[in-house]
């Protein structure tokens, strides 16, 4: 149940970020392309890569 709540919380945070950044991008750049979604996806990808890189450096995983 704890993992479920973590996933729900992260999903809610991502959804809120996507909404707020989309509003900001629509005001600044325009609505011809979903720039807010693109920005959140790129930043999220870098954040996931950063967290996974930290996890591999901190934790030791078996080779198989």
C-alpha atoms as a PDB file:
ATOM      1  CA  UNK A   1       0.000   0.000   0.000  1.00  0.00           C
ATOM      2  CA  UNK A   2       2.915   2.327   0.717  1.00  0.00           C
ATOM      3  CA  UNK A   3       4.268   1.994  -2.826  1.00  0.00           C
ATOM      4  CA  UNK A   4       0.806   2.685  -4.204  1.00  0.00           C
ATOM      5  CA  UNK A   5       0.617   5.939  -2.257  1.00  0.00           C
ATOM      6  CA  UNK A   6       4.101   6.951  -3.391  1.00  0.00           C
ATOM      7  CA  UNK A   7       3.163   6.347  -7.027  1.00  0.00           C
ATOM      8  CA  UNK A   8      -0.087   8.279  -6.586  1.00  0.00           C
ATOM      9  CA  UNK A   9       1.732  11.194  -4.959  1.00  0.00           C
ATOM     10  CA  UNK A  10       4.372  11.326  -7.675  1.00  0.00           C
ATOM     11  CA  UNK A  11       1.693  11.130 -10.354  1.00  0.00           C
ATOM     12  CA  UNK A  12      -0.245  13.965  -8.769  1.00  0.00           C
ATOM     13  CA  UNK A  13       2.898  16.092  -8.526  1.00  0.00           C
ATOM     14  CA  UNK A  14       3.713  15.425 -12.180  1.00  0.00           C
ATOM     15  CA  UNK A  15       0.182  16.219 -13.270  1.00  0.00           C
ATOM     16  CA  UNK A  16       0.176  19.483 -11.329  1.00  0.00           C
ATOM     17  CA  UNK A  17       3.577  20.458 -12.723  1.00  0.00           C
ATOM     18  CA  UNK A  18       2.453  19.686 -16.265  1.00  0.00           C
ATOM     19  CA  UNK A  19      -0.665  21.821 -15.811  1.00  0.00           C
ATOM     20  CA  UNK A  20       1.172  24.814 -14.329  1.00  0.00           C
ATOM     21  CA  UNK A  21       4.008  24.709 -16.861  1.00  0.00           C
ATOM     22  CA  UNK A  22       1.481  24.349 -19.694  1.00  0.00           C
ATOM     23  CA  UNK A  23      -0.322  27.477 -18.519  1.00  0.00           C
ATOM     24  CA  UNK A  24       2.972  29.353 -18.269  1.00  0.00           C
ATOM     25  CA  UNK A  25       4.149  28.188 -21.701  1.00  0.00           C
ATOM     26  CA  UNK A  26       0.819  29.057 -23.319  1.00  0.00           C
ATOM     27  CA  UNK A  27       1.118  32.634 -22.028  1.00  0.00           C
ATOM     28  CA  UNK A  28       4.796  33.036 -22.955  1.00  0.00           C
ATOM     29  CA  UNK A  29       5.144  31.032 -26.163  1.00  0.00           C
ATOM     30  CA  UNK A  30       1.656  30.437 -27.503  1.00  0.00           C
ATOM     31  CA  UNK A  31      -0.746  27.564 -27.950  1.00  0.00           C
ATOM     32  CA  UNK A  32       0.287  26.290 -31.380  1.00  0.00           C
ATOM     33  CA  UNK A  33       2.260  23.408 -29.851  1.00  0.00           C
ATOM     34  CA  UNK A  34       2.063  21.822 -26.355  1.00  0.00           C
ATOM     35  CA  UNK A  35       5.356  23.318 -25.165  1.00  0.00           C
ATOM     36  CA  UNK A  36       4.443  22.892 -21.504  1.00  0.00           C
ATOM     37  CA  UNK A  37       4.125  19.142 -21.931  1.00  0.00           C
ATOM     38  CA  UNK A  38       7.413  19.035 -23.829  1.00  0.00           C
ATOM     39  CA  UNK A  39       9.214  21.025 -21.121  1.00  0.00           C
ATOM     40  CA  UNK A  40       7.848  18.849 -18.291  1.00  0.00           C
ATOM     41  CA  UNK A  41       8.716  15.644 -20.157  1.00  0.00           C
ATOM     42  CA  UNK A  42      12.296  16.757 -20.800  1.00  0.00           C
ATOM     43  CA  UNK A  43      12.847  17.951 -17.223  1.00  0.00           C
ATOM     44  CA  UNK A  44      11.217  14.791 -15.864  1.00  0.00           C
ATOM     45  CA  UNK A  45      13.454  12.598 -18.005  1.00  0.00           C
ATOM     46  CA  UNK A  46      16.549  14.313 -16.660  1.00  0.00           C
ATOM     47  CA  UNK A  47      15.225  14.017 -13.095  1.00  0.00           C
ATOM     48  CA  UNK A  48      14.595  10.279 -13.492  1.00  0.00           C
ATOM     49  CA  UNK A  49      18.049   9.775 -15.005  1.00  0.00           C
ATOM     50  CA  UNK A  50      19.621  11.724 -12.128  1.00  0.00           C
ATOM     51  CA  UNK A  51      17.796   9.698  -9.472  1.00  0.00           C
ATOM     52  CA  UNK A  52      18.660   6.392 -11.152  1.00  0.00           C
ATOM     53  CA  UNK A  53      22.308   7.390 -11.481  1.00  0.00           C
ATOM     54  CA  UNK A  54      22.403   8.271  -7.781  1.00  0.00           C
ATOM     55  CA  UNK A  55      20.740   4.979  -6.910  1.00  0.00           C
ATOM     56  CA  UNK A  56      23.316   2.980  -8.856  1.00  0.00           C
ATOM     57  CA  UNK A  57      26.167   4.816  -7.165  1.00  0.00           C
ATOM     58  CA  UNK A  58      24.740   4.468  -3.651  1.00  0.00           C
ATOM     59  CA  UNK A  59      23.281   0.952  -3.769  1.00  0.00           C
ATOM     60  CA  UNK A  60      25.146  -2.121  -4.863  1.00  0.00           C
ATOM     61  CA  UNK A  61      23.276  -4.317  -7.302  1.00  0.00           C
ATOM     62  CA  UNK A  62      24.247  -7.895  -8.142  1.00  0.00           C
ATOM     63  CA  UNK A  63      25.641  -8.327 -11.666  1.00  0.00           C
ATOM     64  CA  UNK A  64      22.785 -10.548 -12.852  1.00  0.00           C
END
